[in-house]
Amino acid sequence: MLKEEHEVAALGEPHNPAPPTSTVIHIRSETSVPDHVVWSLFNTLFMNSCCLGFIAFAYSVKSRDRKMVGDLTGAQAYASTAKCLNIWALILDIITTILLIIIPILILQAYQ
């Protein structure tokens, strides 16, 4: 019985007078890699100049697949290519839209 009382007393008091230390563990969350699937789909469905939107969509899907597997480096590479293709597709779409508006106006003015 004496032994049990001693154990309780030993557990109840800290033996070290130093203040308690804490350890902080930083859990790294998954790095966000944008795959640009929605942008690629938009470029594929509207105007799709030189099939750049479709090719960008393929790279976006590859980027998403790499991200699901856990290959963030591969996902970033495919996403970067998809972004570049989407930018070029958007530029060509804007130029084409402007030309489709301006050319008929110029033709109508020439006949007046």
PDB file of N, CA and C in Angstrom:
ATOM      1  N   MET A   1       0.818  -1.183   0.000  1.00  0.00           N
ATOM      2  CA  MET A   1       0.000   0.000   0.000  1.00  0.00           C
ATOM      3  C   MET A   1       0.866   1.252   0.000  1.00  0.00           C
ATOM      4  N   LEU A   2       1.975   1.168   0.673  1.00  0.00           N
ATOM      5  CA  LEU A   2       2.880   2.284   0.686  1.00  0.00           C
ATOM      6  C   LEU A   2       3.457   2.572  -0.684  1.00  0.00           C
ATOM      7  N   LYS A   3       3.686   1.544  -1.426  1.00  0.00           N
ATOM      8  CA  LYS A   3       4.248   1.694  -2.760  1.00  0.00           C
ATOM      9  C   LYS A   3       3.276   2.427  -3.682  1.00  0.00           C
ATOM     10  N   GLU A   4       2.020   2.139  -3.597  1.00  0.00           N
ATOM     11  CA  GLU A   4       1.020   2.803  -4.434  1.00  0.00           C
ATOM     12  C   GLU A   4       0.937   4.287  -4.128  1.00  0.00           C
ATOM     13  N   GLU A   5       1.001   4.656  -2.849  1.00  0.00           N
ATOM     14  CA  GLU A   5       0.963   6.069  -2.475  1.00  0.00           C
ATOM     15  C   GLU A   5       2.179   6.792  -3.022  1.00  0.00           C
ATOM     16  N   HIS A   6       3.319   6.152  -3.036  1.00  0.00           N
ATOM     17  CA  HIS A   6       4.545   6.764  -3.544  1.00  0.00           C
ATOM     18  C   HIS A   6       4.452   7.014  -5.053  1.00  0.00           C
ATOM     19  N   GLU A   7       3.873   6.070  -5.780  1.00  0.00           N
ATOM     20  CA  GLU A   7       3.733   6.232  -7.215  1.00  0.00           C
ATOM     21  C   GLU A   7       2.791   7.380  -7.551  1.00  0.00           C
ATOM     22  N   VAL A   8       1.731   7.531  -6.835  1.00  0.00           N
ATOM     23  CA  VAL A   8       0.794   8.615  -7.072  1.00  0.00           C
ATOM     24  C   VAL A   8       1.459   9.954  -6.793  1.00  0.00           C
ATOM     25  N   ALA A   9       2.217  10.035  -5.761  1.00  0.00           N
ATOM     26  CA  ALA A   9       2.915  11.272  -5.422  1.00  0.00           C
ATOM     27  C   ALA A   9       3.965  11.591  -6.485  1.00  0.00           C
ATOM     28  N   ALA A  10       4.641  10.586  -7.002  1.00  0.00           N
ATOM     29  CA  ALA A  10       5.670  10.813  -8.015  1.00  0.00           C
ATOM     30  C   ALA A  10       5.044  11.261  -9.331  1.00  0.00           C
ATOM     31  N   LEU A  11       3.891  10.747  -9.688  1.00  0.00           N
ATOM     32  CA  LEU A  11       3.246  11.133 -10.932  1.00  0.00           C
ATOM     33  C   LEU A  11       2.607  12.508 -10.831  1.00  0.00           C
ATOM     34  N   GLY A  12       2.192  12.924  -9.667  1.00  0.00           N
ATOM     35  CA  GLY A  12       1.488  14.175  -9.506  1.00  0.00           C
ATOM     36  C   GLY A  12       2.392  15.399  -9.557  1.00  0.00           C
ATOM     37  N   GLU A  13       3.643  15.290  -9.229  1.00  0.00           N
ATOM     38  CA  GLU A  13       4.541  16.434  -9.194  1.00  0.00           C
ATOM     39  C   GLU A  13       5.558  16.352 -10.320  1.00  0.00           C
ATOM     40  N   PRO A  14       5.821  17.462 -11.016  1.00  0.00           N
ATOM     41  CA  PRO A  14       6.883  17.435 -12.027  1.00  0.00           C
ATOM     42  C   PRO A  14       8.245  17.456 -11.344  1.00  0.00           C
ATOM     43  N   HIS A  15       9.162  16.685 -11.861  1.00  0.00           N
ATOM     44  CA  HIS A  15      10.493  16.616 -11.292  1.00  0.00           C
ATOM     45  C   HIS A  15      11.393  17.704 -11.858  1.00  0.00           C
ATOM     46  N   ASN A  16      11.056  18.239 -13.015  1.00  0.00           N
ATOM     47  CA  ASN A  16      11.889  19.230 -13.679  1.00  0.00           C
ATOM     48  C   ASN A  16      11.261  20.611 -13.464  1.00  0.00           C
ATOM     49  N   PRO A  17      11.973  21.563 -12.867  1.00  0.00           N
ATOM     50  CA  PRO A  17      11.394  22.886 -12.642  1.00  0.00           C
ATOM     51  C   PRO A  17      11.369  23.762 -13.907  1.00  0.00           C
ATOM     52  N   ALA A  18      11.940  23.312 -15.024  1.00  0.00           N
ATOM     53  CA  ALA A  18      11.963  24.093 -16.262  1.00  0.00           C
ATOM     54  C   ALA A  18      10.549  24.196 -16.833  1.00  0.00           C
ATOM     55  N   PRO A  19      10.251  25.298 -17.544  1.00  0.00           N
ATOM     56  CA  PRO A  19       8.905  25.424 -18.134  1.00  0.00           C
ATOM     57  C   PRO A  19       8.704  24.374 -19.228  1.00  0.00           C
ATOM     58  N   PRO A  20       7.480  23.947 -19.405  1.00  0.00           N
ATOM     59  CA  PRO A  20       7.223  22.925 -20.432  1.00  0.00           C
ATOM     60  C   PRO A  20       7.487  23.490 -21.835  1.00  0.00           C
ATOM     61  N   THR A  21       8.024  22.663 -22.669  1.00  0.00           N
ATOM     62  CA  THR A  21       8.280  23.074 -24.049  1.00  0.00           C
ATOM     63  C   THR A  21       7.222  22.479 -24.955  1.00  0.00           C
ATOM     64  N   SER A  22       7.004  23.142 -26.066  1.00  0.00           N
ATOM     65  CA  SER A  22       6.025  22.628 -27.016  1.00  0.00           C
ATOM     66  C   SER A  22       6.706  22.407 -28.364  1.00  0.00           C
ATOM     67  N   THR A  23       6.194  21.476 -29.095  1.00  0.00           N
ATOM     68  CA  THR A  23       6.708  21.166 -30.421  1.00  0.00           C
ATOM     69  C   THR A  23       5.623  21.484 -31.432  1.00  0.00           C
ATOM     70  N   VAL A  24       5.997  22.239 -32.465  1.00  0.00           N
ATOM     71  CA  VAL A  24       5.051  22.592 -33.514  1.00  0.00           C
ATOM     72  C   VAL A  24       5.395  21.771 -34.748  1.00  0.00           C
ATOM     73  N   ILE A  25       4.417  21.071 -35.251  1.00  0.00           N
ATOM     74  CA  ILE A  25       4.599  20.262 -36.452  1.00  0.00           C
ATOM     75  C   ILE A  25       3.823  20.917 -37.573  1.00  0.00           C
ATOM     76  N   HIS A  26       4.523  21.312 -38.602  1.00  0.00           N
ATOM     77  CA  HIS A  26       3.876  21.915 -39.774  1.00  0.00           C
ATOM     78  C   HIS A  26       3.533  20.809 -40.757  1.00  0.00           C
ATOM     79  N   ILE A  27       2.258  20.597 -40.956  1.00  0.00           N
ATOM     80  CA  ILE A  27       1.809  19.611 -41.917  1.00  0.00           C
ATOM     81  C   ILE A  27       1.600  20.341 -43.227  1.00  0.00           C
ATOM     82  N   ARG A  28       2.369  19.962 -44.198  1.00  0.00           N
ATOM     83  CA  ARG A  28       2.318  20.634 -45.486  1.00  0.00           C
ATOM     84  C   ARG A  28       1.088  20.165 -46.246  1.00  0.00           C
ATOM     85  N   SER A  29       0.232  21.117 -46.545  1.00  0.00           N
ATOM     86  CA  SER A  29      -0.949  20.754 -47.309  1.00  0.00           C
ATOM     87  C   SER A  29      -0.555  20.588 -48.772  1.00  0.00           C
ATOM     88  N   GLU A  30      -1.415  19.927 -49.516  1.00  0.00           N
ATOM     89  CA  GLU A  30      -1.123  19.681 -50.926  1.00  0.00           C
ATOM     90  C   GLU A  30      -1.012  21.005 -51.666  1.00  0.00           C
ATOM     91  N   THR A  31       0.071  21.155 -52.391  1.00  0.00           N
ATOM     92  CA  THR A  31       0.282  22.376 -53.149  1.00  0.00           C
ATOM     93  C   THR A  31      -0.774  22.469 -54.239  1.00  0.00           C
ATOM     94  N   SER A  32      -1.355  23.630 -54.338  1.00  0.00           N
ATOM     95  CA  SER A  32      -2.404  23.824 -55.320  1.00  0.00           C
ATOM     96  C   SER A  32      -1.791  24.025 -56.700  1.00  0.00           C
ATOM     97  N   VAL A  33      -2.097  23.129 -57.605  1.00  0.00           N
ATOM     98  CA  VAL A  33      -1.639  23.232 -58.990  1.00  0.00           C
ATOM     99  C   VAL A  33      -2.880  23.444 -59.843  1.00  0.00           C
ATOM    100  N   PRO A  34      -3.053  24.651 -60.384  1.00  0.00           N
ATOM    101  CA  PRO A  34      -4.222  24.866 -61.236  1.00  0.00           C
ATOM    102  C   PRO A  34      -4.080  24.084 -62.538  1.00  0.00           C
ATOM    103  N   ASP A  35      -5.118  23.350 -62.918  1.00  0.00           N
ATOM    104  CA  ASP A  35      -5.018  22.530 -64.128  1.00  0.00           C
ATOM    105  C   ASP A  35      -5.676  23.182 -65.340  1.00  0.00           C
ATOM    106  N   HIS A  36      -6.383  24.285 -65.163  1.00  0.00           N
ATOM    107  CA  HIS A  36      -6.971  25.081 -66.246  1.00  0.00           C
ATOM    108  C   HIS A  36      -7.966  24.298 -67.107  1.00  0.00           C
ATOM    109  N   VAL A  37      -8.665  23.327 -66.521  1.00  0.00           N
ATOM    110  CA  VAL A  37      -9.607  22.511 -67.293  1.00  0.00           C
ATOM    111  C   VAL A  37     -10.788  23.344 -67.776  1.00  0.00           C
ATOM    112  N   VAL A  38     -11.329  24.204 -66.940  1.00  0.00           N
ATOM    113  CA  VAL A  38     -12.501  24.991 -67.323  1.00  0.00           C
ATOM    114  C   VAL A  38     -12.135  25.961 -68.443  1.00  0.00           C
ATOM    115  N   TRP A  39     -10.999  26.619 -68.312  1.00  0.00           N
ATOM    116  CA  TRP A  39     -10.536  27.545 -69.342  1.00  0.00           C
ATOM    117  C   TRP A  39     -10.315  26.811 -70.665  1.00  0.00           C
ATOM    118  N   SER A  40      -9.707  25.631 -70.593  1.00  0.00           N
ATOM    119  CA  SER A  40      -9.465  24.830 -71.799  1.00  0.00           C
ATOM    120  C   SER A  40     -10.771  24.381 -72.432  1.00  0.00           C
ATOM    121  N   LEU A  41     -11.725  23.996 -71.609  1.00  0.00           N
ATOM    122  CA  LEU A  41     -13.026  23.576 -72.129  1.00  0.00           C
ATOM    123  C   LEU A  41     -13.726  24.748 -72.818  1.00  0.00           C
ATOM    124  N   PHE A  42     -13.643  25.930 -72.215  1.00  0.00           N
ATOM    125  CA  PHE A  42     -14.225  27.129 -72.824  1.00  0.00           C
ATOM    126  C   PHE A  42     -13.583  27.395 -74.186  1.00  0.00           C
ATOM    127  N   ASN A  43     -12.247  27.321 -74.253  1.00  0.00           N
ATOM    128  CA  ASN A  43     -11.557  27.557 -75.519  1.00  0.00           C
ATOM    129  C   ASN A  43     -11.861  26.465 -76.543  1.00  0.00           C
ATOM    130  N   THR A  44     -12.131  25.261 -76.086  1.00  0.00           N
ATOM    131  CA  THR A  44     -12.472  24.166 -77.001  1.00  0.00           C
ATOM    132  C   THR A  44     -13.865  24.381 -77.597  1.00  0.00           C
ATOM    133  N   LEU A  45     -14.814  24.812 -76.769  1.00  0.00           N
ATOM    134  CA  LEU A  45     -16.192  24.945 -77.227  1.00  0.00           C
ATOM    135  C   LEU A  45     -16.440  26.210 -78.042  1.00  0.00           C
ATOM    136  N   PHE A  46     -15.702  27.271 -77.782  1.00  0.00           N
ATOM    137  CA  PHE A  46     -15.923  28.535 -78.475  1.00  0.00           C
ATOM    138  C   PHE A  46     -14.723  28.868 -79.343  1.00  0.00           C
ATOM    139  N   MET A  47     -14.948  28.889 -80.642  1.00  0.00           N
ATOM    140  CA  MET A  47     -13.996  29.307 -81.670  1.00  0.00           C
ATOM    141  C   MET A  47     -12.847  28.318 -81.894  1.00  0.00           C
ATOM    142  N   ASN A  48     -12.245  27.739 -80.919  1.00  0.00           N
ATOM    143  CA  ASN A  48     -11.221  26.691 -81.033  1.00  0.00           C
ATOM    144  C   ASN A  48     -10.239  26.939 -82.186  1.00  0.00           C
ATOM    145  N   SER A  49      -9.596  28.082 -82.192  1.00  0.00           N
ATOM    146  CA  SER A  49      -8.655  28.442 -83.250  1.00  0.00           C
ATOM    147  C   SER A  49      -7.500  27.457 -83.328  1.00  0.00           C
ATOM    148  N   CYS A  50      -7.294  26.927 -84.518  1.00  0.00           N
ATOM    149  CA  CYS A  50      -6.189  25.992 -84.796  1.00  0.00           C
ATOM    150  C   CYS A  50      -6.177  24.804 -83.835  1.00  0.00           C
ATOM    151  N   CYS A  51      -7.310  24.453 -83.288  1.00  0.00           N
ATOM    152  CA  CYS A  51      -7.455  23.348 -82.328  1.00  0.00           C
ATOM    153  C   CYS A  51      -6.610  23.542 -81.070  1.00  0.00           C
ATOM    154  N   LEU A  52      -6.219  24.786 -80.785  1.00  0.00           N
ATOM    155  CA  LEU A  52      -5.417  25.037 -79.582  1.00  0.00           C
ATOM    156  C   LEU A  52      -6.207  24.765 -78.312  1.00  0.00           C
ATOM    157  N   GLY A  53      -7.500  25.054 -78.327  1.00  0.00           N
ATOM    158  CA  GLY A  53      -8.326  24.790 -77.154  1.00  0.00           C
ATOM    159  C   GLY A  53      -8.413  23.309 -76.842  1.00  0.00           C
ATOM    160  N   PHE A  54      -8.535  22.496 -77.888  1.00  0.00           N
ATOM    161  CA  PHE A  54      -8.612  21.044 -77.678  1.00  0.00           C
ATOM    162  C   PHE A  54      -7.284  20.492 -77.159  1.00  0.00           C
ATOM    163  N   ILE A  55      -6.188  20.974 -77.717  1.00  0.00           N
ATOM    164  CA  ILE A  55      -4.866  20.518 -77.262  1.00  0.00           C
ATOM    165  C   ILE A  55      -4.635  20.970 -75.815  1.00  0.00           C
ATOM    166  N   ALA A  56      -5.040  22.202 -75.502  1.00  0.00           N
ATOM    167  CA  ALA A  56      -4.921  22.691 -74.125  1.00  0.00           C
ATOM    168  C   ALA A  56      -5.771  21.848 -73.180  1.00  0.00           C
ATOM    169  N   PHE A  57      -6.957  21.436 -73.641  1.00  0.00           N
ATOM    170  CA  PHE A  57      -7.817  20.581 -72.816  1.00  0.00           C
ATOM    171  C   PHE A  57      -7.139  19.241 -72.532  1.00  0.00           C
ATOM    172  N   ALA A  58      -6.472  18.685 -73.544  1.00  0.00           N
ATOM    173  CA  ALA A  58      -5.758  17.414 -73.348  1.00  0.00           C
ATOM    174  C   ALA A  58      -4.649  17.578 -72.305  1.00  0.00           C
ATOM    175  N   TYR A  59      -3.900  18.674 -72.389  1.00  0.00           N
ATOM    176  CA  TYR A  59      -2.843  18.915 -71.403  1.00  0.00           C
ATOM    177  C   TYR A  59      -3.422  19.170 -70.015  1.00  0.00           C
ATOM    178  N   SER A  60      -4.576  19.818 -69.949  1.00  0.00           N
ATOM    179  CA  SER A  60      -5.221  20.064 -68.660  1.00  0.00           C
ATOM    180  C   SER A  60      -5.647  18.758 -67.999  1.00  0.00           C
ATOM    181  N   VAL A  61      -6.178  17.847 -68.797  1.00  0.00           N
ATOM    182  CA  VAL A  61      -6.579  16.538 -68.257  1.00  0.00           C
ATOM    183  C   VAL A  61      -5.342  15.756 -67.800  1.00  0.00           C
ATOM    184  N   LYS A  62      -4.257  15.839 -68.569  1.00  0.00           N
ATOM    185  CA  LYS A  62      -3.016  15.178 -68.151  1.00  0.00           C
ATOM    186  C   LYS A  62      -2.502  15.774 -66.842  1.00  0.00           C
ATOM    187  N   SER A  63      -2.633  17.098 -66.700  1.00  0.00           N
ATOM    188  CA  SER A  63      -2.208  17.759 -65.468  1.00  0.00           C
ATOM    189  C   SER A  63      -3.037  17.277 -64.282  1.00  0.00           C
ATOM    190  N   ARG A  64      -4.341  17.162 -64.491  1.00  0.00           N
ATOM    191  CA  ARG A  64      -5.215  16.685 -63.413  1.00  0.00           C
ATOM    192  C   ARG A  64      -4.885  15.234 -63.047  1.00  0.00           C
ATOM    193  N   ASP A  65      -4.597  14.418 -64.041  1.00  0.00           N
ATOM    194  CA  ASP A  65      -4.223  13.024 -63.777  1.00  0.00           C
ATOM    195  C   ASP A  65      -2.931  12.944 -62.973  1.00  0.00           C
ATOM    196  N   ARG A  66      -1.938  13.733 -63.338  1.00  0.00           N
ATOM    197  CA  ARG A  66      -0.655  13.746 -62.617  1.00  0.00           C
ATOM    198  C   ARG A  66      -0.856  14.210 -61.180  1.00  0.00           C
ATOM    199  N   LYS A  67      -1.755  15.177 -60.987  1.00  0.00           N
ATOM    200  CA  LYS A  67      -2.024  15.681 -59.640  1.00  0.00           C
ATOM    201  C   LYS A  67      -2.685  14.604 -58.792  1.00  0.00           C
ATOM    202  N   MET A  68      -3.588  13.828 -59.384  1.00  0.00           N
ATOM    203  CA  MET A  68      -4.260  12.764 -58.644  1.00  0.00           C
ATOM    204  C   MET A  68      -3.294  11.655 -58.243  1.00  0.00           C
ATOM    205  N   VAL A  69      -2.289  11.425 -59.070  1.00  0.00           N
ATOM    206  CA  VAL A  69      -1.301  10.382 -58.768  1.00  0.00           C
ATOM    207  C   VAL A  69      -0.313  10.866 -57.703  1.00  0.00           C
ATOM    208  N   GLY A  70      -0.163  12.190 -57.596  1.00  0.00           N
ATOM    209  CA  GLY A  70       0.763  12.738 -56.618  1.00  0.00           C
ATOM    210  C   GLY A  70       2.034  13.296 -57.230  1.00  0.00           C
ATOM    211  N   ASP A  71       2.121  13.308 -58.545  1.00  0.00           N
ATOM    212  CA  ASP A  71       3.290  13.840 -59.250  1.00  0.00           C
ATOM    213  C   ASP A  71       3.072  15.329 -59.497  1.00  0.00           C
ATOM    214  N   LEU A  72       3.433  16.159 -58.503  1.00  0.00           N
ATOM    215  CA  LEU A  72       3.174  17.592 -58.614  1.00  0.00           C
ATOM    216  C   LEU A  72       4.066  18.257 -59.654  1.00  0.00           C
ATOM    217  N   THR A  73       5.276  17.761 -59.839  1.00  0.00           N
ATOM    218  CA  THR A  73       6.171  18.339 -60.844  1.00  0.00           C
ATOM    219  C   THR A  73       5.618  18.122 -62.244  1.00  0.00           C
ATOM    220  N   GLY A  74       5.176  16.909 -62.526  1.00  0.00           N
ATOM    221  CA  GLY A  74       4.559  16.621 -63.820  1.00  0.00           C
ATOM    222  C   GLY A  74       3.274  17.399 -64.019  1.00  0.00           C
ATOM    223  N   ALA A  75       2.490  17.537 -62.949  1.00  0.00           N
ATOM    224  CA  ALA A  75       1.238  18.294 -63.032  1.00  0.00           C
ATOM    225  C   ALA A  75       1.508  19.755 -63.348  1.00  0.00           C
ATOM    226  N   GLN A  76       2.542  20.313 -62.734  1.00  0.00           N
ATOM    227  CA  GLN A  76       2.883  21.717 -63.005  1.00  0.00           C
ATOM    228  C   GLN A  76       3.361  21.899 -64.436  1.00  0.00           C
ATOM    229  N   ALA A  77       4.112  20.944 -64.948  1.00  0.00           N
ATOM    230  CA  ALA A  77       4.608  21.041 -66.326  1.00  0.00           C
ATOM    231  C   ALA A  77       3.446  21.008 -67.326  1.00  0.00           C
ATOM    232  N   TYR A  78       2.532  20.060 -67.150  1.00  0.00           N
ATOM    233  CA  TYR A  78       1.377  19.977 -68.048  1.00  0.00           C
ATOM    234  C   TYR A  78       0.478  21.211 -67.895  1.00  0.00           C
ATOM    235  N   ALA A  79       0.310  21.693 -66.666  1.00  0.00           N
ATOM    236  CA  ALA A  79      -0.528  22.869 -66.438  1.00  0.00           C
ATOM    237  C   ALA A  79       0.076  24.107 -67.083  1.00  0.00           C
ATOM    238  N   SER A  80       1.394  24.220 -67.035  1.00  0.00           N
ATOM    239  CA  SER A  80       2.063  25.356 -67.662  1.00  0.00           C
ATOM    240  C   SER A  80       1.859  25.348 -69.177  1.00  0.00           C
ATOM    241  N   THR A  81       1.970  24.167 -69.784  1.00  0.00           N
ATOM    242  CA  THR A  81       1.742  24.045 -71.224  1.00  0.00           C
ATOM    243  C   THR A  81       0.293  24.371 -71.572  1.00  0.00           C
ATOM    244  N   ALA A  82      -0.632  23.874 -70.763  1.00  0.00           N
ATOM    245  CA  ALA A  82      -2.055  24.154 -70.998  1.00  0.00           C
ATOM    246  C   ALA A  82      -2.341  25.648 -70.880  1.00  0.00           C
ATOM    247  N   LYS A  83      -1.726  26.300 -69.910  1.00  0.00           N
ATOM    248  CA  LYS A  83      -1.923  27.741 -69.742  1.00  0.00           C
ATOM    249  C   LYS A  83      -1.419  28.512 -70.956  1.00  0.00           C
ATOM    250  N   CYS A  84      -0.235  28.147 -71.434  1.00  0.00           N
ATOM    251  CA  CYS A  84       0.344  28.810 -72.606  1.00  0.00           C
ATOM    252  C   CYS A  84      -0.556  28.618 -73.832  1.00  0.00           C
ATOM    253  N   LEU A  85      -1.026  27.408 -74.050  1.00  0.00           N
ATOM    254  CA  LEU A  85      -1.913  27.136 -75.178  1.00  0.00           C
ATOM    255  C   LEU A  85      -3.238  27.889 -75.041  1.00  0.00           C
ATOM    256  N   ASN A  86      -3.742  27.986 -73.825  1.00  0.00           N
ATOM    257  CA  ASN A  86      -4.993  28.726 -73.599  1.00  0.00           C
ATOM    258  C   ASN A  86      -4.817  30.213 -73.880  1.00  0.00           C
ATOM    259  N   ILE A  87      -3.679  30.759 -73.511  1.00  0.00           N
ATOM    260  CA  ILE A  87      -3.425  32.173 -73.782  1.00  0.00           C
ATOM    261  C   ILE A  87      -3.388  32.415 -75.283  1.00  0.00           C
ATOM    262  N   TRP A  88      -2.680  31.561 -76.013  1.00  0.00           N
ATOM    263  CA  TRP A  88      -2.612  31.726 -77.468  1.00  0.00           C
ATOM    264  C   TRP A  88      -3.978  31.527 -78.116  1.00  0.00           C
ATOM    265  N   ALA A  89      -4.740  30.557 -77.639  1.00  0.00           N
ATOM    266  CA  ALA A  89      -6.084  30.343 -78.186  1.00  0.00           C
ATOM    267  C   ALA A  89      -6.971  31.554 -77.925  1.00  0.00           C
ATOM    268  N   LEU A  90      -6.861  32.135 -76.732  1.00  0.00           N
ATOM    269  CA  LEU A  90      -7.666  33.305 -76.403  1.00  0.00           C
ATOM    270  C   LEU A  90      -7.279  34.505 -77.275  1.00  0.00           C
ATOM    271  N   ILE A  91      -5.983  34.703 -77.476  1.00  0.00           N
ATOM    272  CA  ILE A  91      -5.530  35.808 -78.326  1.00  0.00           C
ATOM    273  C   ILE A  91      -6.049  35.636 -79.753  1.00  0.00           C
ATOM    274  N   LEU A  92      -5.916  34.431 -80.293  1.00  0.00           N
ATOM    275  CA  LEU A  92      -6.413  34.189 -81.651  1.00  0.00           C
ATOM    276  C   LEU A  92      -7.931  34.342 -81.740  1.00  0.00           C
ATOM    277  N   ASP A  93      -8.642  33.923 -80.696  1.00  0.00           N
ATOM    278  CA  ASP A  93     -10.102  34.075 -80.685  1.00  0.00           C
ATOM    279  C   ASP A  93     -10.507  35.544 -80.663  1.00  0.00           C
ATOM    280  N   ILE A  94      -9.810  36.343 -79.885  1.00  0.00           N
ATOM    281  CA  ILE A  94     -10.118  37.779 -79.826  1.00  0.00           C
ATOM    282  C   ILE A  94      -9.848  38.437 -81.176  1.00  0.00           C
ATOM    283  N   ILE A  95      -8.700  38.124 -81.782  1.00  0.00           N
ATOM    284  CA  ILE A  95      -8.368  38.688 -83.094  1.00  0.00           C
ATOM    285  C   ILE A  95      -9.400  38.268 -84.139  1.00  0.00           C
ATOM    286  N   THR A  96      -9.779  36.990 -84.129  1.00  0.00           N
ATOM    287  CA  THR A  96     -10.769  36.494 -85.089  1.00  0.00           C
ATOM    288  C   THR A  96     -12.118  37.184 -84.889  1.00  0.00           C
ATOM    289  N   THR A  97     -12.529  37.350 -83.645  1.00  0.00           N
ATOM    290  CA  THR A  97     -13.802  38.015 -83.356  1.00  0.00           C
ATOM    291  C   THR A  97     -13.778  39.459 -83.837  1.00  0.00           C
ATOM    292  N   ILE A  98     -12.696  40.149 -83.585  1.00  0.00           N
ATOM    293  CA  ILE A  98     -12.582  41.538 -84.042  1.00  0.00           C
ATOM    294  C   ILE A  98     -12.631  41.610 -85.564  1.00  0.00           C
ATOM    295  N   LEU A  99     -11.917  40.707 -86.223  1.00  0.00           N
ATOM    296  CA  LEU A  99     -11.926  40.708 -87.689  1.00  0.00           C
ATOM    297  C   LEU A  99     -13.310  40.370 -88.252  1.00  0.00           C
ATOM    298  N   LEU A 100     -14.019  39.468 -87.583  1.00  0.00           N
ATOM    299  CA  LEU A 100     -15.365  39.128 -88.046  1.00  0.00           C
ATOM    300  C   LEU A 100     -16.347  40.281 -87.872  1.00  0.00           C
ATOM    301  N   ILE A 101     -16.016  41.214 -87.016  1.00  0.00           N
ATOM    302  CA  ILE A 101     -16.868  42.393 -86.853  1.00  0.00           C
ATOM    303  C   ILE A 101     -16.435  43.497 -87.819  1.00  0.00           C
ATOM    304  N   ILE A 102     -15.139  43.695 -87.965  1.00  0.00           N
ATOM    305  CA  ILE A 102     -14.624  44.810 -88.768  1.00  0.00           C
ATOM    306  C   ILE A 102     -14.761  44.561 -90.269  1.00  0.00           C
ATOM    307  N   ILE A 103     -14.453  43.373 -90.744  1.00  0.00           N
ATOM    308  CA  ILE A 103     -14.478  43.093 -92.184  1.00  0.00           C
ATOM    309  C   ILE A 103     -15.862  43.295 -92.793  1.00  0.00           C
ATOM    310  N   PRO A 104     -16.940  42.781 -92.211  1.00  0.00           N
ATOM    311  CA  PRO A 104     -18.262  43.057 -92.808  1.00  0.00           C
ATOM    312  C   PRO A 104     -18.606  44.552 -92.813  1.00  0.00           C
ATOM    313  N   ILE A 105     -18.193  45.266 -91.784  1.00  0.00           N
ATOM    314  CA  ILE A 105     -18.457  46.708 -91.748  1.00  0.00           C
ATOM    315  C   ILE A 105     -17.713  47.400 -92.886  1.00  0.00           C
ATOM    316  N   LEU A 106     -16.457  47.022 -93.105  1.00  0.00           N
ATOM    317  CA  LEU A 106     -15.688  47.627 -94.198  1.00  0.00           C
ATOM    318  C   LEU A 106     -16.263  47.273 -95.570  1.00  0.00           C
ATOM    319  N   ILE A 107     -16.760  46.062 -95.708  1.00  0.00           N
ATOM    320  CA  ILE A 107     -17.364  45.645 -96.981  1.00  0.00           C
ATOM    321  C   ILE A 107     -18.651  46.419 -97.230  1.00  0.00           C
ATOM    322  N   LEU A 108     -19.459  46.586 -96.191  1.00  0.00           N
ATOM    323  CA  LEU A 108     -20.698  47.360 -96.360  1.00  0.00           C
ATOM    324  C   LEU A 108     -20.418  48.818 -96.691  1.00  0.00           C
ATOM    325  N   GLN A 109     -19.380  49.381 -96.100  1.00  0.00           N
ATOM    326  CA  GLN A 109     -19.037  50.773 -96.397  1.00  0.00           C
ATOM    327  C   GLN A 109     -18.507  50.919 -97.828  1.00  0.00           C
ATOM    328  N   ALA A 110     -17.869  49.894 -98.362  1.00  0.00           N
ATOM    329  CA  ALA A 110     -17.327  49.970 -99.723  1.00  0.00           C
ATOM    330  C   ALA A 110     -18.461  49.974-100.747  1.00  0.00           C
ATOM    331  N   TYR A 111     -19.584  49.332-100.451  1.00  0.00           N
ATOM    332  CA  TYR A 111     -20.707  49.297-101.395  1.00  0.00           C
ATOM    333  C   TYR A 111     -21.616  50.505-101.285  1.00  0.00           C
ATOM    334  N   GLN A 112     -21.409  51.377-100.373  1.00  0.00           N
ATOM    335  CA  GLN A 112     -22.288  52.545-100.225  1.00  0.00           C
ATOM    336  C   GLN A 112     -21.773  53.736-100.975  1.00  0.00           C
TER     337      GLN A 112
END
